[in-house]
Amino acid sequence: MGASLATPGGSVGRVDAVSPRESLEARKTALRDRLVTGRNRRPLAEVGVAAREIAEHLLATPEVRRAATVAAYVSVGTEPGTGPLLESLATTGKRLVLPVLLPDGDLDWGVYGGPASLAPARLGLLEPVGPRLGPDAVATADVVLVPALAVDRRGVRLGRGGGSYDRALARVPVGTFVCALLYGDELLDDVPRADHDRTVTAVVTPRGVSRPGPA
């Protein structure tokens, strides 16, 4: 219901109440806009350096070292880069599965076989060619690496709003090493959270790997 509001002239107007859900989405949208603007301003040289540092930190974690299968993704634009990471993981013999965006926004998965195995897809993405493994394939990964715009100290992740990774992460067994790739200033004290938002167990930035507390 709306609320009544007296105007300076004495007339009474009507102000529509904002639901908690609308307020939450507005806060998320404002935060996304700020973070995307910040990323778009990053020099490409900085993006490249950050990608190499992120790869170095991740490859040193015990979870990644002992993993047989890693679910990862191909970064685009000024996202924290995954190129050096994918190359290193493949060189060490890891089985890599990468997402394929489905028409309904869910994620299927395919095996990465090097840069030549990728093809342009919707939304400027690069996706693996070849057989599809099915949306449940992410549940077989020992490590799941996910994109994010921000993560807070509880592990609450802010994505781009499509819900693809929330759906994918709902299939990942509890206890799996789920790590978001960020720049250092994108690890925040608080991220607005909805009931369907999935948390991560770790964050990697050019500064290193951190493990948030319980959400």
N, C-alpha and C. Protein backbone atom coordinates (compact mmCIF):
# COMPACT_ATOMS: atom_id res chain seq x y z
N MET A 1 0.83 -1.19 0.00
CA MET A 1 0.00 0.00 0.00
C MET A 1 0.87 1.24 0.00
N GLY A 2 0.30 2.35 -0.51
CA GLY A 2 1.03 3.59 -0.53
C GLY A 2 0.83 4.36 0.75
N ALA A 3 1.64 5.37 0.95
CA ALA A 3 1.54 6.24 2.12
C ALA A 3 1.10 7.61 1.69
N SER A 4 0.33 8.32 2.57
CA SER A 4 -0.10 9.67 2.29
C SER A 4 0.99 10.65 2.70
N LEU A 5 1.13 11.71 1.91
CA LEU A 5 2.15 12.70 2.18
C LEU A 5 1.59 14.08 1.91
N ALA A 6 1.62 14.94 2.95
CA ALA A 6 1.12 16.31 2.79
C ALA A 6 2.17 17.14 2.06
N THR A 7 1.73 17.88 1.04
CA THR A 7 2.62 18.75 0.28
C THR A 7 2.69 20.10 0.96
N PRO A 8 3.70 20.93 0.63
CA PRO A 8 3.80 22.26 1.26
C PRO A 8 2.54 23.08 1.08
N GLY A 9 1.79 22.89 0.03
CA GLY A 9 0.57 23.67 -0.17
C GLY A 9 -0.62 23.14 0.59
N GLY A 10 -0.45 22.07 1.32
CA GLY A 10 -1.54 21.54 2.12
C GLY A 10 -2.27 20.40 1.46
N SER A 11 -2.05 20.11 0.18
CA SER A 11 -2.73 19.00 -0.46
C SER A 11 -2.07 17.69 -0.06
N VAL A 12 -2.79 16.61 -0.21
CA VAL A 12 -2.30 15.31 0.18
C VAL A 12 -2.03 14.49 -1.07
N GLY A 13 -0.79 14.01 -1.21
CA GLY A 13 -0.42 13.17 -2.35
C GLY A 13 -0.27 11.74 -1.91
N ARG A 14 0.12 10.92 -2.84
CA ARG A 14 0.27 9.49 -2.57
C ARG A 14 1.69 9.05 -2.94
N VAL A 15 2.36 8.40 -2.02
CA VAL A 15 3.71 7.90 -2.26
C VAL A 15 3.68 6.38 -2.18
N ASP A 16 4.05 5.72 -3.24
CA ASP A 16 4.06 4.27 -3.25
C ASP A 16 5.18 3.75 -2.36
N ALA A 17 4.84 2.78 -1.51
CA ALA A 17 5.84 2.17 -0.65
C ALA A 17 6.79 1.31 -1.47
N VAL A 18 8.04 1.26 -1.08
CA VAL A 18 9.04 0.45 -1.74
C VAL A 18 9.19 -0.85 -0.94
N SER A 19 9.02 -1.98 -1.60
CA SER A 19 9.12 -3.26 -0.92
C SER A 19 10.58 -3.54 -0.56
N PRO A 20 10.81 -4.39 0.46
CA PRO A 20 12.19 -4.75 0.79
C PRO A 20 12.94 -5.35 -0.39
N ARG A 21 12.24 -6.14 -1.22
CA ARG A 21 12.89 -6.74 -2.39
C ARG A 21 13.32 -5.67 -3.38
N GLU A 22 12.44 -4.70 -3.62
CA GLU A 22 12.79 -3.62 -4.54
C GLU A 22 13.97 -2.81 -4.02
N SER A 23 13.97 -2.59 -2.70
CA SER A 23 15.07 -1.84 -2.09
C SER A 23 16.39 -2.61 -2.23
N LEU A 24 16.34 -3.93 -2.01
CA LEU A 24 17.53 -4.76 -2.15
C LEU A 24 18.06 -4.72 -3.57
N GLU A 25 17.18 -4.87 -4.55
CA GLU A 25 17.60 -4.86 -5.94
C GLU A 25 18.17 -3.50 -6.34
N ALA A 26 17.59 -2.43 -5.81
CA ALA A 26 18.11 -1.10 -6.11
C ALA A 26 19.52 -0.93 -5.55
N ARG A 27 19.76 -1.45 -4.36
CA ARG A 27 21.10 -1.37 -3.77
C ARG A 27 22.10 -2.20 -4.57
N LYS A 28 21.67 -3.38 -5.02
CA LYS A 28 22.55 -4.21 -5.84
C LYS A 28 22.89 -3.52 -7.16
N THR A 29 21.87 -2.94 -7.79
CA THR A 29 22.08 -2.27 -9.07
C THR A 29 23.06 -1.12 -8.94
N ALA A 30 22.90 -0.32 -7.88
CA ALA A 30 23.80 0.81 -7.67
C ALA A 30 25.22 0.34 -7.44
N LEU A 31 25.37 -0.74 -6.66
CA LEU A 31 26.71 -1.27 -6.40
C LEU A 31 27.32 -1.85 -7.67
N ARG A 32 26.53 -2.58 -8.44
CA ARG A 32 27.04 -3.12 -9.71
C ARG A 32 27.53 -2.01 -10.63
N ASP A 33 26.72 -0.95 -10.74
CA ASP A 33 27.11 0.15 -11.63
C ASP A 33 28.45 0.74 -11.21
N ARG A 34 28.62 0.91 -9.91
CA ARG A 34 29.88 1.50 -9.42
C ARG A 34 31.06 0.58 -9.70
N LEU A 35 30.87 -0.72 -9.48
CA LEU A 35 31.97 -1.66 -9.67
C LEU A 35 32.33 -1.83 -11.15
N VAL A 36 31.32 -1.90 -12.01
CA VAL A 36 31.59 -2.02 -13.44
C VAL A 36 32.31 -0.78 -13.96
N THR A 37 31.90 0.39 -13.50
CA THR A 37 32.58 1.63 -13.89
C THR A 37 34.04 1.59 -13.48
N GLY A 38 34.29 1.11 -12.26
CA GLY A 38 35.67 1.01 -11.79
C GLY A 38 36.50 0.06 -12.64
N ARG A 39 35.91 -1.06 -13.01
CA ARG A 39 36.64 -2.02 -13.85
C ARG A 39 36.94 -1.43 -15.23
N ASN A 40 35.97 -0.73 -15.78
CA ASN A 40 36.16 -0.19 -17.13
C ASN A 40 37.26 0.86 -17.18
N ARG A 41 37.60 1.41 -16.04
CA ARG A 41 38.65 2.42 -15.98
C ARG A 41 40.05 1.84 -15.74
N ARG A 42 40.13 0.53 -15.55
CA ARG A 42 41.44 -0.08 -15.26
C ARG A 42 42.28 -0.15 -16.53
N PRO A 43 43.52 0.27 -16.46
CA PRO A 43 44.41 0.15 -17.63
C PRO A 43 44.62 -1.32 -17.98
N LEU A 44 44.74 -1.61 -19.26
CA LEU A 44 44.93 -2.99 -19.70
C LEU A 44 46.22 -3.58 -19.14
N ALA A 45 47.23 -2.75 -18.97
CA ALA A 45 48.48 -3.26 -18.40
C ALA A 45 48.25 -3.78 -16.98
N GLU A 46 47.43 -3.07 -16.21
CA GLU A 46 47.11 -3.51 -14.85
C GLU A 46 46.32 -4.82 -14.87
N VAL A 47 45.40 -4.94 -15.82
CA VAL A 47 44.60 -6.16 -15.95
C VAL A 47 45.51 -7.36 -16.21
N GLY A 48 46.49 -7.17 -17.10
CA GLY A 48 47.41 -8.25 -17.42
C GLY A 48 48.26 -8.67 -16.23
N VAL A 49 48.79 -7.70 -15.51
CA VAL A 49 49.60 -8.01 -14.32
C VAL A 49 48.76 -8.74 -13.28
N ALA A 50 47.54 -8.25 -13.06
CA ALA A 50 46.65 -8.87 -12.08
C ALA A 50 46.35 -10.32 -12.45
N ALA A 51 46.15 -10.60 -13.73
CA ALA A 51 45.85 -11.96 -14.17
C ALA A 51 46.98 -12.91 -13.81
N ARG A 52 48.21 -12.48 -14.00
CA ARG A 52 49.35 -13.34 -13.68
C ARG A 52 49.50 -13.55 -12.17
N GLU A 53 49.24 -12.50 -11.40
CA GLU A 53 49.34 -12.63 -9.94
C GLU A 53 48.23 -13.53 -9.41
N ILE A 54 47.03 -13.40 -9.94
CA ILE A 54 45.92 -14.25 -9.51
C ILE A 54 46.23 -15.71 -9.81
N ALA A 55 46.75 -15.98 -10.99
CA ALA A 55 47.11 -17.36 -11.35
C ALA A 55 48.15 -17.92 -10.38
N GLU A 56 49.15 -17.13 -10.07
CA GLU A 56 50.20 -17.58 -9.17
C GLU A 56 49.64 -17.95 -7.80
N HIS A 57 48.78 -17.10 -7.27
CA HIS A 57 48.21 -17.37 -5.94
C HIS A 57 47.32 -18.61 -5.95
N LEU A 58 46.49 -18.75 -6.98
CA LEU A 58 45.59 -19.90 -7.02
C LEU A 58 46.35 -21.21 -7.19
N LEU A 59 47.34 -21.20 -8.04
CA LEU A 59 48.10 -22.42 -8.29
C LEU A 59 48.86 -22.89 -7.05
N ALA A 60 49.06 -21.99 -6.08
CA ALA A 60 49.77 -22.34 -4.86
C ALA A 60 48.86 -22.92 -3.78
N THR A 61 47.54 -22.85 -3.97
CA THR A 61 46.63 -23.36 -2.95
C THR A 61 46.62 -24.88 -2.97
N PRO A 62 46.48 -25.51 -1.81
CA PRO A 62 46.45 -26.98 -1.78
C PRO A 62 45.24 -27.55 -2.53
N GLU A 63 44.12 -26.82 -2.50
CA GLU A 63 42.92 -27.31 -3.18
C GLU A 63 43.13 -27.42 -4.69
N VAL A 64 43.77 -26.41 -5.27
CA VAL A 64 44.01 -26.43 -6.71
C VAL A 64 45.11 -27.42 -7.06
N ARG A 65 46.13 -27.51 -6.24
CA ARG A 65 47.24 -28.43 -6.53
C ARG A 65 46.76 -29.88 -6.59
N ARG A 66 45.84 -30.26 -5.71
CA ARG A 66 45.41 -31.66 -5.69
C ARG A 66 44.16 -31.93 -6.52
N ALA A 67 43.58 -30.90 -7.14
CA ALA A 67 42.35 -31.07 -7.91
C ALA A 67 42.62 -31.84 -9.20
N ALA A 68 41.69 -32.73 -9.55
CA ALA A 68 41.75 -33.41 -10.84
C ALA A 68 40.94 -32.65 -11.88
N THR A 69 39.77 -32.14 -11.46
CA THR A 69 38.89 -31.38 -12.36
C THR A 69 38.63 -30.00 -11.77
N VAL A 70 38.78 -28.98 -12.60
CA VAL A 70 38.54 -27.59 -12.19
C VAL A 70 37.49 -27.00 -13.11
N ALA A 71 36.44 -26.46 -12.54
CA ALA A 71 35.46 -25.69 -13.30
C ALA A 71 35.92 -24.23 -13.28
N ALA A 72 36.14 -23.66 -14.44
CA ALA A 72 36.63 -22.29 -14.54
C ALA A 72 35.79 -21.54 -15.56
N TYR A 73 36.32 -20.45 -16.10
CA TYR A 73 35.60 -19.67 -17.10
C TYR A 73 36.62 -18.82 -17.86
N VAL A 74 36.19 -18.31 -19.00
CA VAL A 74 37.04 -17.44 -19.81
C VAL A 74 36.66 -15.99 -19.51
N SER A 75 37.59 -15.23 -18.98
CA SER A 75 37.30 -13.84 -18.65
C SER A 75 37.12 -13.01 -19.92
N VAL A 76 36.36 -11.93 -19.80
CA VAL A 76 36.15 -11.01 -20.92
C VAL A 76 36.41 -9.59 -20.45
N GLY A 77 36.84 -8.75 -21.40
CA GLY A 77 37.04 -7.33 -21.09
C GLY A 77 38.03 -7.11 -19.97
N THR A 78 37.63 -6.27 -19.02
CA THR A 78 38.51 -5.93 -17.90
C THR A 78 38.20 -6.74 -16.65
N GLU A 79 37.52 -7.88 -16.80
CA GLU A 79 37.40 -8.80 -15.68
C GLU A 79 38.78 -9.26 -15.25
N PRO A 80 38.95 -9.67 -13.98
CA PRO A 80 40.22 -10.30 -13.60
C PRO A 80 40.53 -11.43 -14.57
N GLY A 81 41.67 -11.38 -15.22
CA GLY A 81 41.96 -12.27 -16.32
C GLY A 81 42.17 -13.72 -15.91
N THR A 82 41.68 -14.64 -16.74
CA THR A 82 41.88 -16.06 -16.49
C THR A 82 42.80 -16.72 -17.51
N GLY A 83 43.30 -15.97 -18.49
CA GLY A 83 44.14 -16.57 -19.52
C GLY A 83 45.35 -17.29 -18.98
N PRO A 84 46.22 -16.64 -18.20
CA PRO A 84 47.39 -17.33 -17.64
C PRO A 84 46.99 -18.50 -16.75
N LEU A 85 45.90 -18.36 -16.03
CA LEU A 85 45.45 -19.43 -15.14
C LEU A 85 45.03 -20.67 -15.92
N LEU A 86 44.22 -20.48 -16.97
CA LEU A 86 43.79 -21.62 -17.77
C LEU A 86 44.98 -22.33 -18.41
N GLU A 87 45.92 -21.54 -18.92
CA GLU A 87 47.10 -22.13 -19.56
C GLU A 87 47.91 -22.96 -18.56
N SER A 88 48.09 -22.41 -17.36
CA SER A 88 48.88 -23.14 -16.34
C SER A 88 48.16 -24.39 -15.87
N LEU A 89 46.85 -24.29 -15.66
CA LEU A 89 46.10 -25.46 -15.21
C LEU A 89 46.14 -26.58 -16.25
N ALA A 90 45.99 -26.19 -17.50
CA ALA A 90 46.04 -27.20 -18.57
C ALA A 90 47.42 -27.82 -18.66
N THR A 91 48.46 -27.02 -18.48
CA THR A 91 49.83 -27.53 -18.57
C THR A 91 50.12 -28.54 -17.47
N THR A 92 49.52 -28.34 -16.30
CA THR A 92 49.75 -29.26 -15.19
C THR A 92 48.85 -30.49 -15.24
N GLY A 93 48.06 -30.63 -16.31
CA GLY A 93 47.28 -31.84 -16.50
C GLY A 93 45.90 -31.83 -15.88
N LYS A 94 45.43 -30.68 -15.42
CA LYS A 94 44.08 -30.62 -14.87
C LYS A 94 43.04 -30.76 -15.98
N ARG A 95 41.95 -31.40 -15.67
CA ARG A 95 40.80 -31.42 -16.58
C ARG A 95 40.00 -30.15 -16.31
N LEU A 96 39.82 -29.33 -17.33
CA LEU A 96 39.13 -28.06 -17.18
C LEU A 96 37.77 -28.12 -17.85
N VAL A 97 36.74 -27.72 -17.13
CA VAL A 97 35.41 -27.59 -17.72
C VAL A 97 35.00 -26.13 -17.64
N LEU A 98 34.45 -25.63 -18.74
CA LEU A 98 34.08 -24.22 -18.85
C LEU A 98 32.59 -24.09 -19.15
N PRO A 99 31.98 -22.98 -18.74
CA PRO A 99 30.53 -22.84 -18.88
C PRO A 99 30.09 -22.52 -20.30
N VAL A 100 28.89 -22.96 -20.60
CA VAL A 100 28.19 -22.65 -21.85
C VAL A 100 26.83 -22.07 -21.45
N LEU A 101 26.58 -20.83 -21.82
CA LEU A 101 25.35 -20.16 -21.41
C LEU A 101 24.17 -20.68 -22.23
N LEU A 102 23.16 -21.20 -21.53
CA LEU A 102 21.96 -21.73 -22.18
C LEU A 102 20.94 -20.61 -22.40
N PRO A 103 19.98 -20.82 -23.30
CA PRO A 103 18.98 -19.78 -23.58
C PRO A 103 18.20 -19.32 -22.35
N ASP A 104 18.00 -20.22 -21.37
CA ASP A 104 17.24 -19.84 -20.17
C ASP A 104 18.12 -19.24 -19.08
N GLY A 105 19.40 -19.02 -19.38
CA GLY A 105 20.31 -18.41 -18.41
C GLY A 105 21.05 -19.41 -17.54
N ASP A 106 20.69 -20.68 -17.62
CA ASP A 106 21.42 -21.69 -16.87
C ASP A 106 22.76 -21.97 -17.56
N LEU A 107 23.60 -22.76 -16.92
CA LEU A 107 24.92 -23.06 -17.47
C LEU A 107 25.08 -24.55 -17.75
N ASP A 108 25.45 -24.87 -18.97
CA ASP A 108 25.95 -26.18 -19.34
C ASP A 108 27.47 -26.10 -19.25
N TRP A 109 28.17 -27.20 -19.53
CA TRP A 109 29.63 -27.22 -19.39
C TRP A 109 30.25 -28.03 -20.51
N GLY A 110 31.45 -27.64 -20.90
CA GLY A 110 32.22 -28.36 -21.91
C GLY A 110 33.67 -28.39 -21.51
N VAL A 111 34.42 -29.33 -22.08
CA VAL A 111 35.83 -29.51 -21.73
C VAL A 111 36.69 -28.52 -22.52
N TYR A 112 37.64 -27.91 -21.83
CA TYR A 112 38.59 -26.99 -22.44
C TYR A 112 39.75 -27.77 -23.03
N GLY A 113 40.03 -27.52 -24.30
CA GLY A 113 41.13 -28.18 -24.97
C GLY A 113 42.14 -27.21 -25.54
N GLY A 114 42.31 -26.08 -24.88
CA GLY A 114 43.23 -25.07 -25.38
C GLY A 114 42.49 -23.94 -26.08
N PRO A 115 43.16 -22.84 -26.39
CA PRO A 115 42.50 -21.68 -27.02
C PRO A 115 41.75 -22.02 -28.29
N ALA A 116 42.24 -22.99 -29.06
CA ALA A 116 41.58 -23.35 -30.31
C ALA A 116 40.24 -24.03 -30.09
N SER A 117 39.98 -24.47 -28.86
CA SER A 117 38.72 -25.15 -28.56
C SER A 117 37.61 -24.18 -28.18
N LEU A 118 37.89 -22.89 -28.22
CA LEU A 118 36.91 -21.86 -27.83
C LEU A 118 36.32 -21.20 -29.07
N ALA A 119 35.06 -20.81 -28.96
CA ALA A 119 34.38 -20.13 -30.05
C ALA A 119 33.57 -18.98 -29.49
N PRO A 120 33.41 -17.88 -30.26
CA PRO A 120 32.58 -16.75 -29.79
C PRO A 120 31.13 -17.19 -29.56
N ALA A 121 30.51 -16.60 -28.56
CA ALA A 121 29.14 -16.93 -28.21
C ALA A 121 28.39 -15.64 -27.85
N ARG A 122 27.18 -15.79 -27.37
CA ARG A 122 26.37 -14.64 -27.00
C ARG A 122 27.05 -13.80 -25.92
N LEU A 123 26.68 -12.53 -25.89
CA LEU A 123 27.13 -11.59 -24.85
C LEU A 123 28.64 -11.40 -24.85
N GLY A 124 29.29 -11.65 -25.99
CA GLY A 124 30.73 -11.47 -26.07
C GLY A 124 31.54 -12.54 -25.38
N LEU A 125 30.93 -13.67 -25.05
CA LEU A 125 31.61 -14.73 -24.33
C LEU A 125 32.39 -15.63 -25.28
N LEU A 126 33.35 -16.34 -24.73
CA LEU A 126 34.03 -17.42 -25.43
C LEU A 126 33.67 -18.72 -24.72
N GLU A 127 33.20 -19.71 -25.50
CA GLU A 127 32.74 -20.95 -24.91
C GLU A 127 33.40 -22.15 -25.60
N PRO A 128 33.53 -23.26 -24.88
CA PRO A 128 34.15 -24.45 -25.48
C PRO A 128 33.24 -25.08 -26.53
N VAL A 129 33.85 -25.54 -27.61
CA VAL A 129 33.11 -26.30 -28.63
C VAL A 129 33.17 -27.77 -28.23
N GLY A 130 32.44 -28.58 -28.92
CA GLY A 130 32.46 -30.01 -28.62
C GLY A 130 31.28 -30.44 -27.78
N PRO A 131 31.29 -31.69 -27.33
CA PRO A 131 30.15 -32.24 -26.60
C PRO A 131 29.83 -31.46 -25.32
N ARG A 132 28.56 -31.38 -25.02
CA ARG A 132 28.11 -30.77 -23.77
C ARG A 132 28.02 -31.83 -22.68
N LEU A 133 28.38 -31.44 -21.48
CA LEU A 133 28.42 -32.37 -20.36
C LEU A 133 27.16 -32.33 -19.50
N GLY A 134 26.33 -31.30 -19.70
CA GLY A 134 25.13 -31.16 -18.88
C GLY A 134 25.34 -30.22 -17.72
N PRO A 135 24.27 -29.56 -17.25
CA PRO A 135 24.41 -28.60 -16.15
C PRO A 135 24.94 -29.20 -14.85
N ASP A 136 24.73 -30.51 -14.64
CA ASP A 136 25.19 -31.11 -13.40
C ASP A 136 26.69 -31.40 -13.39
N ALA A 137 27.36 -31.18 -14.51
CA ALA A 137 28.80 -31.48 -14.57
C ALA A 137 29.60 -30.66 -13.58
N VAL A 138 29.11 -29.46 -13.23
CA VAL A 138 29.84 -28.63 -12.28
C VAL A 138 29.97 -29.31 -10.93
N ALA A 139 29.05 -30.22 -10.62
CA ALA A 139 29.09 -30.92 -9.33
C ALA A 139 30.25 -31.90 -9.24
N THR A 140 30.85 -32.25 -10.39
CA THR A 140 31.96 -33.20 -10.39
C THR A 140 33.31 -32.53 -10.21
N ALA A 141 33.33 -31.20 -10.21
CA ALA A 141 34.61 -30.48 -10.11
C ALA A 141 35.11 -30.47 -8.67
N ASP A 142 36.42 -30.60 -8.52
CA ASP A 142 37.04 -30.51 -7.20
C ASP A 142 37.22 -29.06 -6.77
N VAL A 143 37.34 -28.18 -7.75
CA VAL A 143 37.48 -26.74 -7.53
C VAL A 143 36.57 -26.02 -8.50
N VAL A 144 35.86 -25.01 -8.02
CA VAL A 144 34.99 -24.21 -8.88
C VAL A 144 35.43 -22.75 -8.78
N LEU A 145 35.84 -22.19 -9.90
CA LEU A 145 36.27 -20.79 -9.97
C LEU A 145 35.17 -19.99 -10.64
N VAL A 146 34.74 -18.91 -10.00
CA VAL A 146 33.58 -18.17 -10.48
C VAL A 146 33.90 -16.69 -10.66
N PRO A 147 33.24 -16.05 -11.64
CA PRO A 147 33.36 -14.60 -11.77
C PRO A 147 32.50 -13.92 -10.72
N ALA A 148 32.84 -12.70 -10.41
CA ALA A 148 32.06 -11.90 -9.46
C ALA A 148 32.45 -10.44 -9.65
N LEU A 149 31.57 -9.57 -9.20
CA LEU A 149 31.89 -8.15 -9.15
C LEU A 149 32.39 -7.76 -7.77
N ALA A 150 31.95 -8.49 -6.76
CA ALA A 150 32.39 -8.22 -5.39
C ALA A 150 32.03 -9.42 -4.52
N VAL A 151 32.73 -9.55 -3.41
CA VAL A 151 32.43 -10.53 -2.37
C VAL A 151 32.66 -9.83 -1.04
N ASP A 152 31.84 -10.16 -0.05
CA ASP A 152 32.05 -9.53 1.25
C ASP A 152 32.74 -10.48 2.22
N ARG A 153 32.94 -10.02 3.44
CA ARG A 153 33.72 -10.76 4.42
C ARG A 153 33.03 -12.04 4.86
N ARG A 154 31.73 -12.19 4.54
CA ARG A 154 30.99 -13.42 4.85
C ARG A 154 31.01 -14.41 3.69
N GLY A 155 31.55 -14.00 2.54
CA GLY A 155 31.54 -14.86 1.37
C GLY A 155 30.36 -14.61 0.46
N VAL A 156 29.55 -13.59 0.73
CA VAL A 156 28.41 -13.28 -0.12
C VAL A 156 28.92 -12.68 -1.42
N ARG A 157 28.47 -13.26 -2.52
CA ARG A 157 28.97 -12.90 -3.86
C ARG A 157 27.96 -12.02 -4.59
N LEU A 158 28.46 -10.99 -5.24
CA LEU A 158 27.63 -10.16 -6.12
C LEU A 158 28.03 -10.44 -7.56
N GLY A 159 27.11 -10.99 -8.34
CA GLY A 159 27.34 -11.22 -9.75
C GLY A 159 26.74 -10.10 -10.58
N ARG A 160 26.57 -10.37 -11.85
CA ARG A 160 26.03 -9.35 -12.76
C ARG A 160 24.51 -9.32 -12.81
N GLY A 161 23.86 -10.21 -12.08
CA GLY A 161 22.40 -10.12 -11.95
C GLY A 161 21.62 -11.13 -12.77
N GLY A 162 22.30 -11.94 -13.58
CA GLY A 162 21.59 -12.91 -14.41
C GLY A 162 21.18 -14.17 -13.66
N GLY A 163 21.83 -14.47 -12.55
CA GLY A 163 21.49 -15.64 -11.76
C GLY A 163 22.09 -16.95 -12.25
N SER A 164 22.90 -16.90 -13.30
CA SER A 164 23.45 -18.14 -13.87
C SER A 164 24.31 -18.90 -12.85
N TYR A 165 25.16 -18.19 -12.17
CA TYR A 165 26.06 -18.87 -11.24
C TYR A 165 25.37 -19.23 -9.94
N ASP A 166 24.34 -18.52 -9.54
CA ASP A 166 23.58 -18.96 -8.37
C ASP A 166 22.95 -20.33 -8.65
N ARG A 167 22.45 -20.51 -9.85
CA ARG A 167 21.87 -21.80 -10.22
C ARG A 167 22.94 -22.88 -10.29
N ALA A 168 24.08 -22.54 -10.88
CA ALA A 168 25.16 -23.52 -10.97
C ALA A 168 25.70 -23.90 -9.59
N LEU A 169 25.90 -22.91 -8.74
CA LEU A 169 26.48 -23.19 -7.43
C LEU A 169 25.53 -23.98 -6.54
N ALA A 170 24.24 -23.92 -6.82
CA ALA A 170 23.29 -24.72 -6.06
C ALA A 170 23.51 -26.22 -6.29
N ARG A 171 24.21 -26.59 -7.36
CA ARG A 171 24.50 -27.99 -7.67
C ARG A 171 25.83 -28.46 -7.09
N VAL A 172 26.61 -27.54 -6.58
CA VAL A 172 27.96 -27.87 -6.11
C VAL A 172 27.88 -28.44 -4.69
N PRO A 173 28.49 -29.58 -4.44
CA PRO A 173 28.43 -30.17 -3.09
C PRO A 173 29.03 -29.26 -2.02
N VAL A 174 28.44 -29.31 -0.85
CA VAL A 174 28.96 -28.56 0.29
C VAL A 174 30.39 -29.02 0.57
N GLY A 175 31.26 -28.08 0.83
CA GLY A 175 32.65 -28.39 1.11
C GLY A 175 33.58 -28.24 -0.07
N THR A 176 33.02 -28.05 -1.28
CA THR A 176 33.84 -27.82 -2.46
C THR A 176 34.51 -26.45 -2.37
N PHE A 177 35.74 -26.38 -2.82
CA PHE A 177 36.47 -25.11 -2.85
C PHE A 177 35.89 -24.26 -3.98
N VAL A 178 35.14 -23.23 -3.62
CA VAL A 178 34.51 -22.32 -4.57
C VAL A 178 35.16 -20.95 -4.39
N CYS A 179 35.85 -20.48 -5.41
CA CYS A 179 36.66 -19.27 -5.28
C CYS A 179 36.27 -18.24 -6.34
N ALA A 180 36.05 -17.01 -5.91
CA ALA A 180 35.75 -15.90 -6.81
C ALA A 180 37.02 -15.13 -7.12
N LEU A 181 37.13 -14.66 -8.37
CA LEU A 181 38.29 -13.88 -8.80
C LEU A 181 37.93 -12.40 -8.81
N LEU A 182 38.71 -11.59 -8.09
CA LEU A 182 38.41 -10.17 -7.92
C LEU A 182 39.69 -9.34 -7.97
N TYR A 183 39.51 -8.03 -8.11
CA TYR A 183 40.57 -7.08 -7.81
C TYR A 183 40.53 -6.77 -6.31
N GLY A 184 41.62 -6.25 -5.79
CA GLY A 184 41.73 -6.07 -4.36
C GLY A 184 40.65 -5.20 -3.74
N ASP A 185 40.25 -4.13 -4.45
CA ASP A 185 39.27 -3.21 -3.88
C ASP A 185 37.83 -3.70 -4.04
N GLU A 186 37.65 -4.92 -4.55
CA GLU A 186 36.30 -5.47 -4.71
C GLU A 186 35.95 -6.46 -3.60
N LEU A 187 36.84 -6.66 -2.66
CA LEU A 187 36.55 -7.42 -1.45
C LEU A 187 36.00 -6.43 -0.43
N LEU A 188 34.69 -6.50 -0.18
CA LEU A 188 33.99 -5.47 0.57
C LEU A 188 33.58 -5.96 1.96
N ASP A 189 33.19 -5.01 2.81
CA ASP A 189 32.71 -5.37 4.14
C ASP A 189 31.31 -5.96 4.08
N ASP A 190 30.49 -5.49 3.14
CA ASP A 190 29.11 -5.98 3.08
C ASP A 190 28.59 -5.90 1.65
N VAL A 191 27.93 -6.97 1.22
CA VAL A 191 27.27 -7.04 -0.08
C VAL A 191 25.80 -7.37 0.17
N PRO A 192 24.87 -6.63 -0.45
CA PRO A 192 23.44 -6.96 -0.26
C PRO A 192 23.16 -8.39 -0.69
N ARG A 193 22.38 -9.11 0.13
CA ARG A 193 22.16 -10.54 -0.15
C ARG A 193 20.68 -10.87 -0.19
N ALA A 194 20.28 -11.60 -1.23
CA ALA A 194 18.94 -12.17 -1.33
C ALA A 194 19.00 -13.65 -0.91
N ASP A 195 17.84 -14.23 -0.66
CA ASP A 195 17.81 -15.62 -0.19
C ASP A 195 18.46 -16.58 -1.18
N HIS A 196 18.35 -16.30 -2.48
CA HIS A 196 18.88 -17.22 -3.49
C HIS A 196 20.37 -17.03 -3.77
N ASP A 197 20.97 -16.00 -3.22
CA ASP A 197 22.38 -15.71 -3.49
C ASP A 197 23.27 -16.76 -2.83
N ARG A 198 24.21 -17.29 -3.59
CA ARG A 198 25.11 -18.32 -3.10
C ARG A 198 26.44 -17.71 -2.66
N THR A 199 27.02 -18.30 -1.62
CA THR A 199 28.28 -17.80 -1.09
C THR A 199 29.45 -18.57 -1.72
N VAL A 200 30.64 -18.00 -1.54
CA VAL A 200 31.87 -18.66 -1.95
C VAL A 200 32.70 -18.97 -0.71
N THR A 201 33.64 -19.90 -0.85
CA THR A 201 34.48 -20.27 0.28
C THR A 201 35.82 -19.55 0.28
N ALA A 202 36.15 -18.92 -0.87
CA ALA A 202 37.43 -18.23 -0.96
C ALA A 202 37.35 -17.12 -2.00
N VAL A 203 38.28 -16.20 -1.89
CA VAL A 203 38.43 -15.09 -2.85
C VAL A 203 39.90 -14.98 -3.19
N VAL A 204 40.20 -14.82 -4.47
CA VAL A 204 41.59 -14.56 -4.87
C VAL A 204 41.64 -13.20 -5.55
N THR A 205 42.61 -12.40 -5.14
CA THR A 205 42.89 -11.10 -5.75
C THR A 205 44.38 -11.07 -6.06
N PRO A 206 44.86 -10.03 -6.71
CA PRO A 206 46.31 -9.93 -6.93
C PRO A 206 47.11 -9.92 -5.64
N ARG A 207 46.45 -9.67 -4.52
CA ARG A 207 47.15 -9.63 -3.23
C ARG A 207 47.26 -11.00 -2.58
N GLY A 208 46.44 -11.97 -3.02
CA GLY A 208 46.49 -13.28 -2.41
C GLY A 208 45.11 -13.90 -2.27
N VAL A 209 45.05 -15.02 -1.55
CA VAL A 209 43.81 -15.76 -1.34
C VAL A 209 43.31 -15.50 0.08
N SER A 210 42.03 -15.20 0.21
CA SER A 210 41.42 -15.04 1.53
C SER A 210 40.22 -15.97 1.62
N ARG A 211 39.88 -16.32 2.84
CA ARG A 211 38.79 -17.26 3.07
C ARG A 211 37.79 -16.60 4.01
N PRO A 212 36.66 -16.13 3.44
CA PRO A 212 35.67 -15.42 4.24
C PRO A 212 35.08 -16.31 5.33
N GLY A 213 34.52 -15.64 6.34
CA GLY A 213 33.86 -16.36 7.42
C GLY A 213 32.46 -16.78 7.03
N PRO A 214 31.75 -17.50 7.92
CA PRO A 214 30.41 -17.96 7.60
C PRO A 214 29.46 -16.81 7.35
N ALA A 215 28.55 -16.98 6.34
CA ALA A 215 27.55 -15.95 6.03
C ALA A 215 26.39 -16.05 6.99
